[in-house]
Amino acid sequence: MTGVRHLFLALSVLGTLHVGVAQERGAQRLTLKECIRIGIDNSFDLKETYASSRAAGAGLTQAFGAYLPSADISANYSRQLTNLREQFSIVNGVPIVGQPLPNTYGLNGQMNLTLFNGFQRESQYDAAQSSVEAASEDIRTSRLSIAFNVTRNYIDVLRRQQILSAREENLALSKATFERIVALKEAGRSTIQQVMSQETELANQEVSVVTAQNDLDVAKATLLASMSVNPSQSIEIDPSSLLGDVTASTVTTFRGRVGPEPVAIQRAFATRPDIMSTQMRVDVAKSGITTAESGYWPTLTAVGGYTWRNFTIADFDRQGQVYVGLNVRVPVFDQFTTNANIENANLSLTRQQMALARLQNDVRTNIRSAFLQLGAAEKGLDITERALRAALTNFNAVQERFSVGSATLLDVQTANNQLITARVNRVTAVYAYHDAATFVEFTIGTYGDQ
């Protein structure tokens, strides 16, 4: 029972230490959801994506405007600066002297409505609408990517935090053993070599704690950087955001939810926003071909307006004219410009189709990698569970034997090292499973659904 008492003592000391550190630093305690929210709110890439979405919306409004008439009004004024003398002329034998009119005024208003332009308006509107939908999917992609990266970094912080706890608990046990060896030495039941050996072991454990603390600090800085905030600030994370242990039922439930790999691939093709966005850009490229082909079609435009010109600002009814008409433009030869535009549009379509095929292949590869990682993580859970159970049993037994003098200090040190190794491996396996499960859900497009 001595080993168990030491273990509970170490846990109590560690809990007091953590509370004291948190209170001293005044660190903010964040859950996983809060970290994801902060990351989304502060993401530089997401802000740029929002700006692109607004620009796409403006493009759709512009494409709709092509169905409406355009209208403009212009006014002009000019003044003659030379030859301002009186003009003399004879009209029907009667001499007439005319005063110079140096000022000239003009007013024009015109409206144009495109009636037909070879389906260019329709294709441009379809392209603009697809661009808006693609931009919307880009926003979803960015948000999911941010949430995924923050989650993985959060998991890494939890893993390193638990490893630090295990190292600190092991250090506390080593200190207790060292104090006991010193007491036995003073009582003449131990040697100086045993004291030095345990002191060396204690120093090694202190180094491992310092290393684990540094790893944790680096992981926190990485997490803060993925949240687009100052990485030098102090935070504490809430371990209850994820399961501290993974049971067989948890593994079975998750496998049932994600399904087999072929089903996951089909689900990814149907739900992933980056695939949907790329597919919509394929549609944009197809509309671009129709736009380019419109150069072979005639254009019909209705026009109407009002024009007025006079030497004084008056007589708008007598000097003004209202007119309507139709303009027809028939392309005869455009120096192969339309042909070049069509080929460039076909090139854009090919590039978008290849981008979609490349993305789909990357998705298949990522899903394959994610499922392999998940399988390895599941095996790690089973192995580390058995190893931890055996190491803890052995550690307690050795502690009992050491208490009655039937086990050596080397036996205690060996059992202690086996226990800390098993605990670290178990922590690593648990959070490796969480990381693998997150990766699987992200690659198949279901991350964040539950």
Protein backbone atom coordinates (compact mmCIF):
# COMPACT_ATOMS: atom_id res chain seq x y z
CA MET A 1 0.00 0.00 0.00
CA THR A 2 3.01 2.31 0.30
CA GLY A 3 3.19 2.88 -3.45
CA VAL A 4 -0.51 3.76 -3.60
CA ARG A 5 -0.13 6.24 -0.74
CA HIS A 6 2.82 7.83 -2.53
CA LEU A 7 0.80 8.07 -5.72
CA PHE A 8 -2.11 9.82 -3.98
CA LEU A 9 0.32 12.15 -2.23
CA ALA A 10 1.90 13.09 -5.55
CA LEU A 11 -1.51 13.76 -7.09
CA SER A 12 -2.43 16.05 -4.21
CA VAL A 13 0.85 17.96 -4.47
CA LEU A 14 0.45 18.29 -8.24
CA GLY A 15 -3.13 19.55 -7.95
CA THR A 16 -2.06 22.18 -5.44
CA LEU A 17 0.83 23.18 -7.72
CA HIS A 18 -1.43 23.62 -10.77
CA VAL A 19 -3.98 25.69 -8.85
CA GLY A 20 -1.25 27.89 -7.45
CA VAL A 21 0.29 28.49 -10.87
CA ALA A 22 -3.07 29.33 -12.45
CA GLN A 23 -3.93 31.76 -9.69
CA GLU A 24 -0.51 33.36 -9.81
CA ARG A 25 -0.55 33.94 -13.55
CA GLY A 26 -4.21 34.87 -13.79
CA ALA A 27 -4.36 32.85 -17.01
CA GLN A 28 -7.55 32.70 -19.00
CA ARG A 29 -9.15 29.24 -19.05
CA LEU A 30 -10.47 28.33 -22.48
CA THR A 31 -12.55 25.45 -23.76
CA LEU A 32 -12.10 23.98 -27.22
CA LYS A 33 -15.22 25.72 -28.53
CA GLU A 34 -13.98 29.06 -27.22
CA CYS A 35 -10.61 28.58 -28.89
CA ILE A 36 -12.29 27.77 -32.19
CA ARG A 37 -14.55 30.82 -31.91
CA ILE A 38 -11.58 33.08 -31.20
CA GLY A 39 -9.68 31.57 -34.11
CA ILE A 40 -12.57 32.17 -36.50
CA ASP A 41 -13.15 35.70 -35.25
CA ASN A 42 -9.50 36.69 -35.66
CA SER A 43 -8.44 34.71 -38.73
CA PHE A 44 -6.61 36.80 -41.31
CA ASP A 45 -7.36 34.33 -44.10
CA LEU A 46 -11.06 34.26 -43.25
CA LYS A 47 -11.29 38.05 -43.41
CA GLU A 48 -9.79 37.93 -46.88
CA THR A 49 -12.27 35.23 -47.86
CA TYR A 50 -15.16 37.40 -46.63
CA ALA A 51 -13.84 40.25 -48.79
CA SER A 52 -13.72 37.94 -51.81
CA SER A 53 -17.30 36.90 -51.12
CA ARG A 54 -18.46 40.51 -51.06
CA ALA A 55 -16.67 41.14 -54.35
CA ALA A 56 -18.41 38.09 -55.85
CA GLY A 57 -21.75 39.47 -54.66
CA ALA A 58 -21.02 42.77 -56.36
CA GLY A 59 -20.22 40.86 -59.53
CA LEU A 60 -23.61 39.13 -59.39
CA THR A 61 -25.35 42.50 -59.02
CA GLN A 62 -23.43 43.78 -62.01
CA ALA A 63 -24.43 40.73 -64.06
CA PHE A 64 -28.09 41.35 -63.19
CA GLY A 65 -27.68 44.98 -64.24
CA ALA A 66 -27.01 43.82 -67.80
CA TYR A 67 -30.75 43.04 -68.07
CA LEU A 68 -31.63 46.64 -67.19
CA PRO A 69 -31.38 49.69 -69.44
CA SER A 70 -28.39 51.97 -69.08
CA ALA A 71 -29.08 55.71 -68.87
CA ASP A 72 -26.83 58.75 -68.96
CA ILE A 73 -27.27 62.50 -69.15
CA SER A 74 -24.67 64.94 -70.46
CA ALA A 75 -24.63 68.72 -70.66
CA ASN A 76 -22.17 70.95 -72.49
CA TYR A 77 -21.34 74.62 -72.84
CA SER A 78 -18.94 76.43 -75.15
CA ARG A 79 -18.11 80.08 -75.78
CA GLN A 80 -16.65 81.57 -78.91
CA LEU A 81 -13.62 83.76 -78.12
CA THR A 82 -12.69 85.22 -81.55
CA ASN A 83 -14.53 86.83 -84.49
CA LEU A 84 -17.19 88.41 -82.30
CA ARG A 85 -17.96 91.33 -84.65
CA GLU A 86 -21.44 92.09 -85.98
CA GLN A 87 -22.31 90.05 -89.04
CA PHE A 88 -23.79 91.91 -92.11
CA SER A 89 -25.87 90.05 -94.68
CA ILE A 90 -28.63 90.76 -97.23
CA VAL A 91 -31.78 88.68 -97.10
CA ASN A 92 -34.28 89.22 -99.97
CA GLY A 93 -32.64 92.51 -100.75
CA VAL A 94 -32.89 93.72 -97.21
CA PRO A 95 -29.66 94.37 -95.31
CA ILE A 96 -29.59 92.69 -91.92
CA VAL A 97 -27.06 93.13 -89.17
CA GLY A 98 -26.71 90.12 -86.88
CA GLN A 99 -25.37 90.23 -83.37
CA PRO A 100 -22.73 87.63 -82.50
CA LEU A 101 -23.91 84.60 -80.48
CA PRO A 102 -20.81 83.42 -78.57
CA ASN A 103 -22.53 80.99 -76.17
CA THR A 104 -23.69 77.54 -77.13
CA TYR A 105 -25.56 75.17 -74.79
CA GLY A 106 -26.37 71.50 -75.16
CA LEU A 107 -28.23 68.79 -73.25
CA ASN A 108 -28.42 65.12 -74.10
CA GLY A 109 -30.08 62.16 -72.40
CA GLN A 110 -29.98 58.61 -73.68
CA MET A 111 -31.12 55.13 -72.65
CA ASN A 112 -29.84 51.85 -74.07
CA LEU A 113 -31.33 48.41 -73.56
CA THR A 114 -29.62 45.30 -74.83
CA LEU A 115 -32.22 42.99 -76.33
CA PHE A 116 -29.90 40.23 -77.50
CA ASN A 117 -26.12 39.79 -77.42
CA GLY A 118 -25.59 36.13 -78.23
CA PHE A 119 -26.51 34.84 -74.73
CA GLN A 120 -23.60 36.76 -73.23
CA ARG A 121 -25.77 38.27 -70.49
CA GLU A 122 -27.19 34.90 -69.52
CA SER A 123 -23.81 33.19 -69.34
CA GLN A 124 -22.27 36.03 -67.37
CA TYR A 125 -25.13 35.95 -64.88
CA ASP A 126 -24.78 32.17 -64.46
CA ALA A 127 -21.03 32.57 -63.97
CA ALA A 128 -21.52 35.32 -61.39
CA GLN A 129 -24.08 33.25 -59.49
CA SER A 130 -21.73 30.26 -59.43
CA SER A 131 -18.91 32.52 -58.24
CA VAL A 132 -21.06 33.71 -55.33
CA GLU A 133 -21.87 30.13 -54.36
CA ALA A 134 -18.20 29.17 -54.68
CA ALA A 135 -17.23 32.08 -52.44
CA SER A 136 -19.78 30.93 -49.88
CA GLU A 137 -18.24 27.45 -49.91
CA ASP A 138 -14.79 29.04 -49.58
CA ILE A 139 -15.97 30.64 -46.35
CA ARG A 140 -17.14 27.26 -45.07
CA THR A 141 -13.81 25.74 -46.08
CA SER A 142 -11.85 28.42 -44.26
CA ARG A 143 -13.95 28.13 -41.12
CA LEU A 144 -13.61 24.33 -41.05
CA SER A 145 -9.87 24.53 -41.69
CA ILE A 146 -9.45 26.98 -38.82
CA ALA A 147 -11.53 24.79 -36.51
CA PHE A 148 -9.55 21.71 -37.55
CA ASN A 149 -6.14 23.33 -37.02
CA VAL A 150 -7.18 24.80 -33.67
CA THR A 151 -8.56 21.44 -32.56
CA ARG A 152 -5.38 19.56 -33.44
CA ASN A 153 -3.25 22.13 -31.63
CA TYR A 154 -5.65 22.01 -28.67
CA ILE A 155 -5.27 18.23 -28.56
CA ASP A 156 -1.49 18.61 -28.63
CA VAL A 157 -1.62 21.02 -25.69
CA LEU A 158 -3.79 18.59 -23.73
CA ARG A 159 -1.41 15.75 -24.53
CA ARG A 160 1.66 17.70 -23.41
CA GLN A 161 -0.20 18.94 -20.33
CA GLN A 162 -1.02 15.39 -19.29
CA ILE A 163 2.56 14.30 -19.95
CA LEU A 164 3.79 17.15 -17.77
CA SER A 165 1.39 16.03 -15.02
CA ALA A 166 2.72 12.48 -15.27
CA ARG A 167 6.31 13.73 -15.13
CA GLU A 168 5.56 15.89 -12.09
CA GLU A 169 3.82 13.03 -10.33
CA ASN A 170 6.77 10.79 -11.06
CA LEU A 171 9.10 13.49 -9.72
CA ALA A 172 7.06 13.63 -6.52
CA LEU A 173 7.36 9.85 -6.12
CA SER A 174 11.10 10.04 -6.74
CA LYS A 175 11.42 12.75 -4.08
CA ALA A 176 9.48 10.59 -1.61
CA THR A 177 11.73 7.63 -2.37
CA PHE A 178 14.83 9.80 -2.00
CA GLU A 179 13.68 11.07 1.40
CA ARG A 180 13.05 7.52 2.50
CA ILE A 181 16.48 6.37 1.34
CA VAL A 182 18.07 9.25 3.25
CA ALA A 183 16.13 8.27 6.37
CA LEU A 184 17.24 4.65 5.99
CA LYS A 185 20.82 5.83 5.54
CA GLU A 186 20.62 7.78 8.77
CA ALA A 187 19.25 4.68 10.47
CA GLY A 188 22.11 2.60 9.09
CA ARG A 189 19.88 0.49 6.85
CA SER A 190 21.04 1.99 3.56
CA THR A 191 24.33 2.95 1.90
CA ILE A 192 25.66 6.20 0.48
CA GLN A 193 25.70 4.59 -2.97
CA GLN A 194 21.93 4.08 -2.78
CA VAL A 195 21.47 7.70 -1.76
CA MET A 196 23.61 8.93 -4.68
CA SER A 197 21.82 6.60 -7.10
CA GLN A 198 18.42 7.91 -6.08
CA GLU A 199 19.67 11.49 -6.17
CA THR A 200 20.82 10.93 -9.75
CA GLU A 201 17.43 9.47 -10.60
CA LEU A 202 15.77 12.48 -9.00
CA ALA A 203 17.87 14.89 -11.08
CA ASN A 204 16.95 13.03 -14.26
CA GLN A 205 13.28 13.32 -13.37
CA GLU A 206 13.69 17.05 -12.80
CA VAL A 207 15.20 17.42 -16.28
CA SER A 208 12.26 15.52 -17.78
CA VAL A 209 9.83 17.89 -16.02
CA VAL A 210 11.66 20.96 -17.37
CA THR A 211 11.58 19.48 -20.88
CA ALA A 212 7.88 18.62 -20.59
CA GLN A 213 7.09 22.14 -19.36
CA ASN A 214 8.94 23.66 -22.31
CA ASP A 215 7.08 21.38 -24.72
CA LEU A 216 3.80 22.50 -23.18
CA ASP A 217 4.70 26.19 -23.48
CA VAL A 218 5.63 25.73 -27.15
CA ALA A 219 2.37 23.86 -27.80
CA LYS A 220 0.37 26.69 -26.20
CA ALA A 221 2.16 29.26 -28.34
CA THR A 222 1.36 27.21 -31.44
CA LEU A 223 -2.28 27.00 -30.39
CA LEU A 224 -2.48 30.77 -29.87
CA ALA A 225 -0.84 31.38 -33.24
CA SER A 226 -3.45 29.18 -34.93
CA MET A 227 -6.08 31.36 -33.21
CA SER A 228 -4.44 34.48 -34.75
CA VAL A 229 -3.81 36.05 -31.34
CA ASN A 230 -0.71 37.07 -29.42
CA PRO A 231 1.21 33.82 -28.77
CA SER A 232 3.01 35.27 -25.74
CA GLN A 233 -0.11 35.58 -23.59
CA SER A 234 -0.84 33.10 -20.81
CA ILE A 235 -3.76 30.68 -21.13
CA GLU A 236 -5.06 27.56 -19.46
CA ILE A 237 -7.17 25.06 -21.36
CA ASP A 238 -10.10 23.04 -20.14
CA PRO A 239 -9.30 19.31 -20.29
CA SER A 240 -13.00 18.44 -20.05
CA SER A 241 -13.44 19.52 -23.70
CA LEU A 242 -12.21 16.06 -24.72
CA LEU A 243 -12.50 12.65 -23.14
CA GLY A 244 -9.58 11.98 -20.82
CA ASP A 245 -9.71 8.30 -21.75
CA VAL A 246 -11.04 6.30 -24.67
CA THR A 247 -12.99 3.09 -24.15
CA ALA A 248 -13.81 0.29 -26.55
CA SER A 249 -17.39 1.54 -26.85
CA THR A 250 -16.12 4.98 -27.89
CA VAL A 251 -14.05 3.40 -30.66
CA THR A 252 -16.98 1.27 -31.85
CA THR A 253 -19.40 4.21 -31.86
CA PHE A 254 -17.03 6.37 -33.87
CA ARG A 255 -16.38 3.63 -36.42
CA GLY A 256 -20.11 3.21 -36.89
CA ARG A 257 -20.57 6.93 -37.46
CA VAL A 258 -17.83 7.42 -40.06
CA GLY A 259 -18.46 4.12 -41.85
CA PRO A 260 -15.99 2.20 -44.03
CA GLU A 261 -13.44 3.97 -46.19
CA PRO A 262 -15.27 3.72 -49.58
CA VAL A 263 -18.43 5.20 -48.03
CA ALA A 264 -16.37 7.95 -46.44
CA ILE A 265 -14.88 8.89 -49.81
CA GLN A 266 -18.31 9.19 -51.42
CA ARG A 267 -19.54 11.26 -48.50
CA ALA A 268 -16.53 13.56 -48.82
CA PHE A 269 -17.22 14.13 -52.52
CA ALA A 270 -20.80 15.06 -51.68
CA THR A 271 -20.27 17.25 -48.61
CA ARG A 272 -16.80 18.79 -48.53
CA PRO A 273 -17.07 22.54 -49.21
CA ASP A 274 -13.74 22.76 -51.02
CA ILE A 275 -14.89 20.15 -53.55
CA MET A 276 -18.21 21.93 -54.00
CA SER A 277 -16.42 25.26 -54.45
CA THR A 278 -14.11 23.81 -57.11
CA GLN A 279 -17.07 22.20 -58.89
CA MET A 280 -18.80 25.58 -59.03
CA ARG A 281 -15.70 27.12 -60.53
CA VAL A 282 -15.88 24.46 -63.22
CA ASP A 283 -19.40 25.76 -63.93
CA VAL A 284 -18.01 29.31 -64.09
CA ALA A 285 -15.48 28.18 -66.69
CA LYS A 286 -18.22 26.50 -68.74
CA SER A 287 -20.19 29.74 -68.74
CA GLY A 288 -17.04 31.50 -69.91
CA ILE A 289 -17.11 29.44 -73.10
CA THR A 290 -20.66 30.59 -73.84
CA THR A 291 -19.58 34.17 -73.19
CA ALA A 292 -16.70 33.82 -75.62
CA GLU A 293 -18.92 32.25 -78.31
CA SER A 294 -21.27 35.23 -78.15
CA GLY A 295 -18.77 37.09 -80.30
CA TYR A 296 -20.12 35.21 -83.34
CA TRP A 297 -23.70 36.38 -82.74
CA PRO A 298 -25.30 39.69 -83.77
CA THR A 299 -26.18 42.24 -81.10
CA LEU A 300 -29.56 44.02 -80.97
CA THR A 301 -29.90 47.16 -78.84
CA ALA A 302 -32.86 49.50 -78.33
CA VAL A 303 -32.00 53.19 -77.89
CA GLY A 304 -34.00 56.24 -76.97
CA GLY A 305 -33.28 59.70 -75.74
CA TYR A 306 -33.61 63.46 -75.86
CA THR A 307 -31.20 66.02 -77.34
CA TRP A 308 -31.28 69.83 -77.23
CA ARG A 309 -28.92 72.52 -78.51
CA ASN A 310 -29.37 76.30 -78.45
CA PHE A 311 -27.49 79.58 -78.12
CA THR A 312 -29.51 80.47 -75.04
CA ILE A 313 -30.98 78.45 -72.21
CA ALA A 314 -34.51 78.49 -73.61
CA ASP A 315 -36.79 76.92 -76.23
CA PHE A 316 -36.46 73.39 -74.90
CA ASP A 317 -39.67 72.39 -76.67
CA ARG A 318 -38.75 73.80 -80.09
CA GLN A 319 -35.02 73.10 -80.15
CA GLY A 320 -35.17 69.69 -78.44
CA GLN A 321 -35.71 66.32 -80.08
CA VAL A 322 -36.94 63.01 -78.67
CA TYR A 323 -35.95 59.87 -80.53
CA VAL A 324 -36.12 56.07 -80.36
CA GLY A 325 -34.41 53.45 -82.48
CA LEU A 326 -32.83 50.04 -82.85
CA ASN A 327 -29.18 49.27 -83.41
CA VAL A 328 -28.07 45.99 -84.93
CA ARG A 329 -24.42 44.98 -84.91
CA VAL A 330 -23.43 42.02 -87.04
CA PRO A 331 -19.87 40.73 -86.65
CA VAL A 332 -18.36 40.04 -90.04
CA PHE A 333 -14.66 39.65 -89.31
CA ASP A 334 -13.02 40.33 -85.95
CA GLN A 335 -9.47 39.27 -86.82
CA PHE A 336 -9.93 35.90 -85.05
CA THR A 337 -10.48 37.58 -81.68
CA THR A 338 -13.55 35.47 -80.86
CA ASN A 339 -11.72 32.27 -81.76
CA ALA A 340 -8.87 33.19 -79.42
CA ASN A 341 -11.35 34.00 -76.64
CA ILE A 342 -13.03 30.60 -77.06
CA GLU A 343 -9.71 28.77 -76.86
CA ASN A 344 -8.73 30.71 -73.74
CA ALA A 345 -12.10 29.85 -72.19
CA ASN A 346 -11.55 26.18 -73.02
CA LEU A 347 -8.13 26.41 -71.38
CA SER A 348 -9.70 27.85 -68.23
CA LEU A 349 -12.24 25.03 -68.20
CA THR A 350 -9.52 22.40 -68.55
CA ARG A 351 -7.56 23.94 -65.70
CA GLN A 352 -10.59 23.97 -63.43
CA GLN A 353 -11.45 20.38 -64.32
CA MET A 354 -7.89 19.30 -63.56
CA ALA A 355 -7.99 21.24 -60.28
CA LEU A 356 -11.16 19.34 -59.34
CA ALA A 357 -9.67 15.97 -60.30
CA ARG A 358 -6.49 16.79 -58.39
CA LEU A 359 -8.48 17.80 -55.32
CA GLN A 360 -10.56 14.63 -55.44
CA ASN A 361 -7.41 12.54 -55.65
CA ASP A 362 -5.94 14.44 -52.70
CA VAL A 363 -9.12 13.77 -50.74
CA ARG A 364 -8.86 10.03 -51.45
CA THR A 365 -5.23 10.09 -50.32
CA ASN A 366 -6.02 12.04 -47.15
CA ILE A 367 -8.91 9.74 -46.26
CA ARG A 368 -6.69 6.71 -46.76
CA SER A 369 -4.00 8.26 -44.57
CA ALA A 370 -6.57 9.26 -41.94
CA PHE A 371 -8.06 5.75 -41.71
CA LEU A 372 -4.59 4.22 -41.43
CA GLN A 373 -3.75 6.69 -38.68
CA LEU A 374 -7.03 5.84 -36.94
CA GLY A 375 -6.29 2.11 -37.11
CA ALA A 376 -2.82 2.60 -35.64
CA ALA A 377 -4.27 4.79 -32.88
CA GLU A 378 -6.83 2.09 -32.00
CA LYS A 379 -4.07 -0.50 -31.69
CA GLY A 380 -2.08 1.91 -29.55
CA LEU A 381 -5.01 2.25 -27.16
CA ASP A 382 -5.20 -1.49 -26.58
CA ILE A 383 -1.44 -1.93 -26.16
CA THR A 384 -0.93 0.99 -23.80
CA GLU A 385 -3.91 0.02 -21.67
CA ARG A 386 -2.40 -3.41 -21.05
CA ALA A 387 1.07 -1.96 -20.49
CA LEU A 388 -0.17 0.63 -17.98
CA ARG A 389 -2.17 -1.95 -16.04
CA ALA A 390 0.84 -4.27 -15.79
CA ALA A 391 3.27 -1.47 -14.92
CA LEU A 392 1.02 -0.14 -12.13
CA THR A 393 0.61 -3.64 -10.65
CA ASN A 394 4.34 -4.23 -10.76
CA PHE A 395 5.09 -0.80 -9.25
CA ASN A 396 2.78 -1.39 -6.29
CA ALA A 397 4.22 -4.85 -5.72
CA VAL A 398 7.80 -3.60 -5.79
CA GLN A 399 6.91 -0.80 -3.37
CA GLU A 400 5.44 -3.33 -0.94
CA ARG A 401 8.52 -5.56 -1.23
CA PHE A 402 10.83 -2.59 -0.78
CA SER A 403 8.97 -1.63 2.38
CA VAL A 404 9.77 -4.99 3.94
CA GLY A 405 13.30 -5.05 2.55
CA SER A 406 12.86 -7.82 -0.02
CA ALA A 407 13.36 -5.52 -3.04
CA THR A 408 16.35 -3.37 -3.90
CA LEU A 409 16.45 0.30 -4.82
CA LEU A 410 17.25 -0.68 -8.40
CA ASP A 411 14.01 -2.68 -8.49
CA VAL A 412 12.11 0.40 -7.32
CA GLN A 413 13.79 2.63 -9.89
CA THR A 414 13.13 0.16 -12.69
CA ALA A 415 9.47 -0.22 -11.74
CA ASN A 416 9.13 3.53 -11.45
CA ASN A 417 10.62 4.11 -14.91
CA GLN A 418 8.39 1.45 -16.40
CA LEU A 419 5.35 3.09 -14.83
CA ILE A 420 6.15 6.60 -16.09
CA THR A 421 6.89 5.24 -19.55
CA ALA A 422 3.59 3.37 -19.59
CA ARG A 423 1.70 6.46 -18.40
CA VAL A 424 3.30 8.71 -21.01
CA ASN A 425 2.60 6.15 -23.71
CA ARG A 426 -1.02 5.89 -22.57
CA VAL A 427 -1.49 9.65 -22.65
CA THR A 428 0.11 9.78 -26.08
CA ALA A 429 -2.13 6.97 -27.34
CA VAL A 430 -5.34 8.59 -26.05
CA TYR A 431 -4.68 11.95 -27.65
CA ALA A 432 -3.28 10.33 -30.77
CA TYR A 433 -6.68 8.69 -31.11
CA HIS A 434 -8.45 12.04 -30.64
CA ASP A 435 -6.17 13.55 -33.28
CA ALA A 436 -6.78 10.68 -35.70
CA ALA A 437 -10.55 10.84 -35.18
CA THR A 438 -10.52 14.58 -35.83
CA PHE A 439 -8.47 14.05 -38.98
CA VAL A 440 -10.91 11.40 -40.25
CA GLU A 441 -13.93 13.63 -39.69
CA PHE A 442 -12.26 16.57 -41.36
CA THR A 443 -11.19 14.62 -44.44
CA ILE A 444 -14.68 13.17 -45.02
CA GLY A 445 -16.40 16.50 -44.44
CA THR A 446 -18.33 15.65 -41.26
CA TYR A 447 -16.18 17.52 -38.75
CA GLY A 448 -18.35 19.65 -36.50
CA ASP A 449 -21.64 17.91 -37.45
CA GLN A 450 -22.23 16.20 -34.12
